[in-house]
Amino acid sequence: MGAVGTSADNALAESFNATLKRETLRGARRFNGARACRLAVFRWTTRYNTRRRHSANGQQAPIAYEQQSATLTLAA
């Protein structure tokens, strides 16, 4: 642990938040209301958790990675 308030302590959260902002706002300064914001964030998190490719998964979507993992586990 570093000093209080250093970005090294929460680098994962900072990276996640930066990606969320970049991919939902797409260059805009703000959303057109709270409902539009909630819908955009909900769509983004659904895509992020199910379909978006992740480097930690060998550039596979989480669902494909889990299915592959389950198949390998059953085969063993």
PDB file of N, CA and C in Angstrom:
ATOM      1  N   MET A   1       0.840  -1.184   0.000  1.00  0.00           N
ATOM      2  CA  MET A   1       0.000   0.000   0.000  1.00  0.00           C
ATOM      3  C   MET A   1       0.882   1.243   0.000  1.00  0.00           C
ATOM      4  N   GLY A   2       0.511   2.167  -0.792  1.00  0.00           N
ATOM      5  CA  GLY A   2       1.232   3.427  -0.844  1.00  0.00           C
ATOM      6  C   GLY A   2       0.585   4.458   0.052  1.00  0.00           C
ATOM      7  N   ALA A   3       0.895   5.692  -0.213  1.00  0.00           N
ATOM      8  CA  ALA A   3       0.332   6.786   0.571  1.00  0.00           C
ATOM      9  C   ALA A   3      -1.147   6.969   0.227  1.00  0.00           C
ATOM     10  N   VAL A   4      -1.867   7.574   1.138  1.00  0.00           N
ATOM     11  CA  VAL A   4      -3.291   7.817   0.927  1.00  0.00           C
ATOM     12  C   VAL A   4      -3.479   8.722  -0.288  1.00  0.00           C
ATOM     13  N   GLY A   5      -4.407   8.323  -1.152  1.00  0.00           N
ATOM     14  CA  GLY A   5      -4.735   9.141  -2.308  1.00  0.00           C
ATOM     15  C   GLY A   5      -3.865   8.931  -3.529  1.00  0.00           C
ATOM     16  N   THR A   6      -3.003   7.933  -3.524  1.00  0.00           N
ATOM     17  CA  THR A   6      -2.173   7.698  -4.710  1.00  0.00           C
ATOM     18  C   THR A   6      -2.922   6.809  -5.697  1.00  0.00           C
ATOM     19  N   SER A   7      -2.724   7.077  -6.968  1.00  0.00           N
ATOM     20  CA  SER A   7      -3.437   6.310  -7.986  1.00  0.00           C
ATOM     21  C   SER A   7      -2.933   4.870  -8.068  1.00  0.00           C
ATOM     22  N   ALA A   8      -1.734   4.606  -7.558  1.00  0.00           N
ATOM     23  CA  ALA A   8      -1.214   3.238  -7.588  1.00  0.00           C
ATOM     24  C   ALA A   8      -2.055   2.315  -6.715  1.00  0.00           C
ATOM     25  N   ASP A   9      -2.665   2.844  -5.680  1.00  0.00           N
ATOM     26  CA  ASP A   9      -3.491   2.034  -4.786  1.00  0.00           C
ATOM     27  C   ASP A   9      -4.792   1.594  -5.444  1.00  0.00           C
ATOM     28  N   ASN A  10      -5.306   2.400  -6.326  1.00  0.00           N
ATOM     29  CA  ASN A  10      -6.578   2.061  -6.955  1.00  0.00           C
ATOM     30  C   ASN A  10      -6.483   2.112  -8.478  1.00  0.00           C
ATOM     31  N   ALA A  11      -5.390   1.625  -9.030  1.00  0.00           N
ATOM     32  CA  ALA A  11      -5.155   1.686 -10.474  1.00  0.00           C
ATOM     33  C   ALA A  11      -6.227   0.928 -11.252  1.00  0.00           C
ATOM     34  N   LEU A  12      -6.665  -0.210 -10.741  1.00  0.00           N
ATOM     35  CA  LEU A  12      -7.692  -0.979 -11.439  1.00  0.00           C
ATOM     36  C   LEU A  12      -8.991  -0.193 -11.538  1.00  0.00           C
ATOM     37  N   ALA A  13      -9.418   0.405 -10.438  1.00  0.00           N
ATOM     38  CA  ALA A  13     -10.654   1.189 -10.453  1.00  0.00           C
ATOM     39  C   ALA A  13     -10.521   2.411 -11.352  1.00  0.00           C
ATOM     40  N   GLU A  14      -9.366   3.055 -11.312  1.00  0.00           N
ATOM     41  CA  GLU A  14      -9.140   4.224 -12.163  1.00  0.00           C
ATOM     42  C   GLU A  14      -9.201   3.836 -13.639  1.00  0.00           C
ATOM     43  N   SER A  15      -8.606   2.713 -13.990  1.00  0.00           N
ATOM     44  CA  SER A  15      -8.612   2.243 -15.372  1.00  0.00           C
ATOM     45  C   SER A  15     -10.027   1.896 -15.816  1.00  0.00           C
ATOM     46  N   PHE A  16     -10.761   1.194 -14.956  1.00  0.00           N
ATOM     47  CA  PHE A  16     -12.145   0.821 -15.265  1.00  0.00           C
ATOM     48  C   PHE A  16     -12.997   2.071 -15.475  1.00  0.00           C
ATOM     49  N   ASN A  17     -12.899   3.034 -14.569  1.00  0.00           N
ATOM     50  CA  ASN A  17     -13.689   4.262 -14.678  1.00  0.00           C
ATOM     51  C   ASN A  17     -13.333   5.051 -15.929  1.00  0.00           C
ATOM     52  N   ALA A  18     -12.055   5.100 -16.275  1.00  0.00           N
ATOM     53  CA  ALA A  18     -11.636   5.815 -17.482  1.00  0.00           C
ATOM     54  C   ALA A  18     -12.220   5.151 -18.730  1.00  0.00           C
ATOM     55  N   THR A  19     -12.198   3.822 -18.764  1.00  0.00           N
ATOM     56  CA  THR A  19     -12.765   3.099 -19.897  1.00  0.00           C
ATOM     57  C   THR A  19     -14.272   3.323 -19.979  1.00  0.00           C
ATOM     58  N   LEU A  20     -14.942   3.265 -18.843  1.00  0.00           N
ATOM     59  CA  LEU A  20     -16.391   3.512 -18.795  1.00  0.00           C
ATOM     60  C   LEU A  20     -16.715   4.894 -19.353  1.00  0.00           C
ATOM     61  N   LYS A  21     -16.026   5.908 -18.889  1.00  0.00           N
ATOM     62  CA  LYS A  21     -16.281   7.272 -19.354  1.00  0.00           C
ATOM     63  C   LYS A  21     -15.999   7.414 -20.844  1.00  0.00           C
ATOM     64  N   ARG A  22     -14.850   6.899 -21.278  1.00  0.00           N
ATOM     65  CA  ARG A  22     -14.455   7.038 -22.679  1.00  0.00           C
ATOM     66  C   ARG A  22     -15.445   6.352 -23.617  1.00  0.00           C
ATOM     67  N   GLU A  23     -15.886   5.142 -23.253  1.00  0.00           N
ATOM     68  CA  GLU A  23     -16.733   4.373 -24.152  1.00  0.00           C
ATOM     69  C   GLU A  23     -18.216   4.732 -24.063  1.00  0.00           C
ATOM     70  N   THR A  24     -18.659   5.343 -22.978  1.00  0.00           N
ATOM     71  CA  THR A  24     -20.070   5.736 -22.896  1.00  0.00           C
ATOM     72  C   THR A  24     -20.286   7.174 -23.349  1.00  0.00           C
ATOM     73  N   LEU A  25     -19.400   8.068 -22.971  1.00  0.00           N
ATOM     74  CA  LEU A  25     -19.580   9.468 -23.363  1.00  0.00           C
ATOM     75  C   LEU A  25     -19.169   9.725 -24.807  1.00  0.00           C
ATOM     76  N   ARG A  26     -18.181   8.991 -25.295  1.00  0.00           N
ATOM     77  CA  ARG A  26     -17.715   9.122 -26.686  1.00  0.00           C
ATOM     78  C   ARG A  26     -17.433  10.572 -27.070  1.00  0.00           C
ATOM     79  N   GLY A  27     -16.709  11.251 -26.221  1.00  0.00           N
ATOM     80  CA  GLY A  27     -16.301  12.622 -26.517  1.00  0.00           C
ATOM     81  C   GLY A  27     -17.254  13.699 -26.038  1.00  0.00           C
ATOM     82  N   ALA A  28     -18.460  13.348 -25.637  1.00  0.00           N
ATOM     83  CA  ALA A  28     -19.410  14.347 -25.130  1.00  0.00           C
ATOM     84  C   ALA A  28     -18.995  14.774 -23.728  1.00  0.00           C
ATOM     85  N   ARG A  29     -19.450  15.928 -23.309  1.00  0.00           N
ATOM     86  CA  ARG A  29     -19.108  16.415 -21.980  1.00  0.00           C
ATOM     87  C   ARG A  29     -20.060  15.879 -20.907  1.00  0.00           C
ATOM     88  N   ARG A  30     -21.310  15.583 -21.304  1.00  0.00           N
ATOM     89  CA  ARG A  30     -22.288  15.098 -20.336  1.00  0.00           C
ATOM     90  C   ARG A  30     -23.406  14.366 -21.062  1.00  0.00           C
ATOM     91  N   PHE A  31     -24.238  13.696 -20.281  1.00  0.00           N
ATOM     92  CA  PHE A  31     -25.392  12.984 -20.826  1.00  0.00           C
ATOM     93  C   PHE A  31     -26.594  13.915 -20.887  1.00  0.00           C
ATOM     94  N   ASN A  32     -27.589  13.529 -21.666  1.00  0.00           N
ATOM     95  CA  ASN A  32     -28.828  14.300 -21.765  1.00  0.00           C
ATOM     96  C   ASN A  32     -29.812  13.821 -20.704  1.00  0.00           C
ATOM     97  N   GLY A  33     -29.445  13.966 -19.447  1.00  0.00           N
ATOM     98  CA  GLY A  33     -30.325  13.587 -18.351  1.00  0.00           C
ATOM     99  C   GLY A  33     -29.882  12.316 -17.651  1.00  0.00           C
ATOM    100  N   ALA A  34     -30.456  12.116 -16.477  1.00  0.00           N
ATOM    101  CA  ALA A  34     -30.091  10.977 -15.631  1.00  0.00           C
ATOM    102  C   ALA A  34     -30.512   9.653 -16.261  1.00  0.00           C
ATOM    103  N   ARG A  35     -31.680   9.603 -16.896  1.00  0.00           N
ATOM    104  CA  ARG A  35     -32.154   8.355 -17.501  1.00  0.00           C
ATOM    105  C   ARG A  35     -31.234   7.917 -18.627  1.00  0.00           C
ATOM    106  N   ALA A  36     -30.822   8.841 -19.467  1.00  0.00           N
ATOM    107  CA  ALA A  36     -29.911   8.517 -20.564  1.00  0.00           C
ATOM    108  C   ALA A  36     -28.584   7.998 -20.019  1.00  0.00           C
ATOM    109  N   CYS A  37     -28.127   8.581 -18.939  1.00  0.00           N
ATOM    110  CA  CYS A  37     -26.884   8.142 -18.298  1.00  0.00           C
ATOM    111  C   CYS A  37     -27.029   6.714 -17.771  1.00  0.00           C
ATOM    112  N   ARG A  38     -28.113   6.460 -17.042  1.00  0.00           N
ATOM    113  CA  ARG A  38     -28.335   5.112 -16.487  1.00  0.00           C
ATOM    114  C   ARG A  38     -28.422   4.059 -17.583  1.00  0.00           C
ATOM    115  N   LEU A  39     -29.137   4.358 -18.665  1.00  0.00           N
ATOM    116  CA  LEU A  39     -29.273   3.410 -19.768  1.00  0.00           C
ATOM    117  C   LEU A  39     -27.932   3.142 -20.445  1.00  0.00           C
ATOM    118  N   ALA A  40     -27.154   4.188 -20.659  1.00  0.00           N
ATOM    119  CA  ALA A  40     -25.851   4.021 -21.310  1.00  0.00           C
ATOM    120  C   ALA A  40     -24.910   3.193 -20.442  1.00  0.00           C
ATOM    121  N   VAL A  41     -24.895   3.457 -19.157  1.00  0.00           N
ATOM    122  CA  VAL A  41     -24.023   2.708 -18.245  1.00  0.00           C
ATOM    123  C   VAL A  41     -24.492   1.261 -18.133  1.00  0.00           C
ATOM    124  N   PHE A  42     -25.801   1.034 -18.076  1.00  0.00           N
ATOM    125  CA  PHE A  42     -26.323  -0.327 -18.015  1.00  0.00           C
ATOM    126  C   PHE A  42     -25.945  -1.108 -19.270  1.00  0.00           C
ATOM    127  N   ARG A  43     -26.144  -0.494 -20.450  1.00  0.00           N
ATOM    128  CA  ARG A  43     -25.769  -1.169 -21.703  1.00  0.00           C
ATOM    129  C   ARG A  43     -24.280  -1.472 -21.733  1.00  0.00           C
ATOM    130  N   TRP A  44     -23.467  -0.503 -21.299  1.00  0.00           N
ATOM    131  CA  TRP A  44     -22.022  -0.686 -21.327  1.00  0.00           C
ATOM    132  C   TRP A  44     -21.589  -1.800 -20.381  1.00  0.00           C
ATOM    133  N   THR A  45     -22.109  -1.823 -19.157  1.00  0.00           N
ATOM    134  CA  THR A  45     -21.691  -2.856 -18.208  1.00  0.00           C
ATOM    135  C   THR A  45     -22.155  -4.238 -18.659  1.00  0.00           C
ATOM    136  N   THR A  46     -23.324  -4.318 -19.264  1.00  0.00           N
ATOM    137  CA  THR A  46     -23.792  -5.599 -19.795  1.00  0.00           C
ATOM    138  C   THR A  46     -22.844  -6.084 -20.883  1.00  0.00           C
ATOM    139  N   ARG A  47     -22.475  -5.201 -21.795  1.00  0.00           N
ATOM    140  CA  ARG A  47     -21.542  -5.566 -22.865  1.00  0.00           C
ATOM    141  C   ARG A  47     -20.164  -5.903 -22.288  1.00  0.00           C
ATOM    142  N   TYR A  48     -19.700  -5.117 -21.346  1.00  0.00           N
ATOM    143  CA  TYR A  48     -18.379  -5.324 -20.744  1.00  0.00           C
ATOM    144  C   TYR A  48     -18.296  -6.683 -20.059  1.00  0.00           C
ATOM    145  N   ASN A  49     -19.363  -7.076 -19.379  1.00  0.00           N
ATOM    146  CA  ASN A  49     -19.351  -8.320 -18.619  1.00  0.00           C
ATOM    147  C   ASN A  49     -19.698  -9.552 -19.438  1.00  0.00           C
ATOM    148  N   THR A  50     -20.229  -9.381 -20.645  1.00  0.00           N
ATOM    149  CA  THR A  50     -20.639 -10.552 -21.417  1.00  0.00           C
ATOM    150  C   THR A  50     -19.956 -10.680 -22.771  1.00  0.00           C
ATOM    151  N   ARG A  51     -19.857  -9.582 -23.530  1.00  0.00           N
ATOM    152  CA  ARG A  51     -19.398  -9.692 -24.914  1.00  0.00           C
ATOM    153  C   ARG A  51     -18.043  -9.052 -25.214  1.00  0.00           C
ATOM    154  N   ARG A  52     -17.632  -8.080 -24.451  1.00  0.00           N
ATOM    155  CA  ARG A  52     -16.398  -7.348 -24.748  1.00  0.00           C
ATOM    156  C   ARG A  52     -15.186  -8.241 -24.517  1.00  0.00           C
ATOM    157  N   ARG A  53     -14.255  -8.229 -25.471  1.00  0.00           N
ATOM    158  CA  ARG A  53     -13.052  -9.043 -25.342  1.00  0.00           C
ATOM    159  C   ARG A  53     -12.135  -8.469 -24.275  1.00  0.00           C
ATOM    160  N   HIS A  54     -11.503  -9.364 -23.512  1.00  0.00           N
ATOM    161  CA  HIS A  54     -10.609  -8.948 -22.439  1.00  0.00           C
ATOM    162  C   HIS A  54      -9.226  -9.565 -22.659  1.00  0.00           C
ATOM    163  N   SER A  55      -8.195  -8.782 -22.442  1.00  0.00           N
ATOM    164  CA  SER A  55      -6.827  -9.288 -22.623  1.00  0.00           C
ATOM    165  C   SER A  55      -6.511 -10.388 -21.623  1.00  0.00           C
ATOM    166  N   ALA A  56      -7.088 -10.344 -20.448  1.00  0.00           N
ATOM    167  CA  ALA A  56      -6.838 -11.376 -19.434  1.00  0.00           C
ATOM    168  C   ALA A  56      -7.420 -12.725 -19.847  1.00  0.00           C
ATOM    169  N   ASN A  57      -8.377 -12.723 -20.766  1.00  0.00           N
ATOM    170  CA  ASN A  57      -9.006 -13.954 -21.247  1.00  0.00           C
ATOM    171  C   ASN A  57      -8.466 -14.393 -22.600  1.00  0.00           C
ATOM    172  N   GLY A  58      -7.314 -13.896 -22.988  1.00  0.00           N
ATOM    173  CA  GLY A  58      -6.775 -14.240 -24.295  1.00  0.00           C
ATOM    174  C   GLY A  58      -7.589 -13.631 -25.419  1.00  0.00           C
ATOM    175  N   GLN A  59      -8.069 -12.409 -25.231  1.00  0.00           N
ATOM    176  CA  GLN A  59      -8.881 -11.663 -26.194  1.00  0.00           C
ATOM    177  C   GLN A  59     -10.185 -12.381 -26.533  1.00  0.00           C
ATOM    178  N   GLN A  60     -10.754 -13.074 -25.554  1.00  0.00           N
ATOM    179  CA  GLN A  60     -12.058 -13.715 -25.721  1.00  0.00           C
ATOM    180  C   GLN A  60     -13.090 -12.965 -24.886  1.00  0.00           C
ATOM    181  N   ALA A  61     -14.329 -13.068 -25.310  1.00  0.00           N
ATOM    182  CA  ALA A  61     -15.423 -12.517 -24.509  1.00  0.00           C
ATOM    183  C   ALA A  61     -15.568 -13.371 -23.254  1.00  0.00           C
ATOM    184  N   PRO A  62     -16.018 -12.794 -22.148  1.00  0.00           N
ATOM    185  CA  PRO A  62     -16.163 -13.568 -20.914  1.00  0.00           C
ATOM    186  C   PRO A  62     -17.025 -14.824 -21.067  1.00  0.00           C
ATOM    187  N   ILE A  63     -18.102 -14.741 -21.824  1.00  0.00           N
ATOM    188  CA  ILE A  63     -18.973 -15.910 -21.984  1.00  0.00           C
ATOM    189  C   ILE A  63     -18.231 -17.025 -22.714  1.00  0.00           C
ATOM    190  N   ALA A  64     -17.521 -16.690 -23.784  1.00  0.00           N
ATOM    191  CA  ALA A  64     -16.759 -17.704 -24.530  1.00  0.00           C
ATOM    192  C   ALA A  64     -15.673 -18.312 -23.655  1.00  0.00           C
ATOM    193  N   TYR A  65     -15.028 -17.483 -22.863  1.00  0.00           N
ATOM    194  CA  TYR A  65     -13.975 -17.980 -21.965  1.00  0.00           C
ATOM    195  C   TYR A  65     -14.552 -18.936 -20.926  1.00  0.00           C
ATOM    196  N   GLU A  66     -15.692 -18.580 -20.354  1.00  0.00           N
ATOM    197  CA  GLU A  66     -16.320 -19.447 -19.356  1.00  0.00           C
ATOM    198  C   GLU A  66     -16.776 -20.768 -19.972  1.00  0.00           C
ATOM    199  N   GLN A  67     -17.318 -20.710 -21.199  1.00  0.00           N
ATOM    200  CA  GLN A  67     -17.747 -21.935 -21.854  1.00  0.00           C
ATOM    201  C   GLN A  67     -16.556 -22.842 -22.145  1.00  0.00           C
ATOM    202  N   GLN A  68     -15.448 -22.244 -22.587  1.00  0.00           N
ATOM    203  CA  GLN A  68     -14.235 -23.015 -22.843  1.00  0.00           C
ATOM    204  C   GLN A  68     -13.702 -23.619 -21.548  1.00  0.00           C
ATOM    205  N   SER A  69     -13.731 -22.840 -20.490  1.00  0.00           N
ATOM    206  CA  SER A  69     -13.270 -23.301 -19.188  1.00  0.00           C
ATOM    207  C   SER A  69     -14.117 -24.457 -18.679  1.00  0.00           C
ATOM    208  N   ALA A  70     -15.428 -24.341 -18.837  1.00  0.00           N
ATOM    209  CA  ALA A  70     -16.333 -25.408 -18.396  1.00  0.00           C
ATOM    210  C   ALA A  70     -16.106 -26.675 -19.198  1.00  0.00           C
ATOM    211  N   THR A  71     -15.868 -26.542 -20.498  1.00  0.00           N
ATOM    212  CA  THR A  71     -15.607 -27.702 -21.347  1.00  0.00           C
ATOM    213  C   THR A  71     -14.325 -28.385 -20.928  1.00  0.00           C
ATOM    214  N   LEU A  72     -13.283 -27.615 -20.643  1.00  0.00           N
ATOM    215  CA  LEU A  72     -12.010 -28.190 -20.222  1.00  0.00           C
ATOM    216  C   LEU A  72     -12.136 -28.868 -18.868  1.00  0.00           C
ATOM    217  N   THR A  73     -12.930 -28.282 -17.977  1.00  0.00           N
ATOM    218  CA  THR A  73     -13.131 -28.868 -16.652  1.00  0.00           C
ATOM    219  C   THR A  73     -13.874 -30.195 -16.758  1.00  0.00           C
ATOM    220  N   LEU A  74     -14.897 -30.248 -17.612  1.00  0.00           N
ATOM    221  CA  LEU A  74     -15.655 -31.483 -17.800  1.00  0.00           C
ATOM    222  C   LEU A  74     -14.800 -32.569 -18.441  1.00  0.00           C
ATOM    223  N   ALA A  75     -13.899 -32.166 -19.331  1.00  0.00           N
ATOM    224  CA  ALA A  75     -13.036 -33.132 -20.022  1.00  0.00           C
ATOM    225  C   ALA A  75     -12.015 -33.736 -19.050  1.00  0.00           C
ATOM    226  N   ALA A  76     -11.642 -32.980 -18.042  1.00  0.00           N
ATOM    227  CA  ALA A  76     -10.634 -33.458 -17.088  1.00  0.00           C
ATOM    228  C   ALA A  76     -11.254 -34.355 -16.110  1.00  0.00           C
TER     229      ALA A  76
END
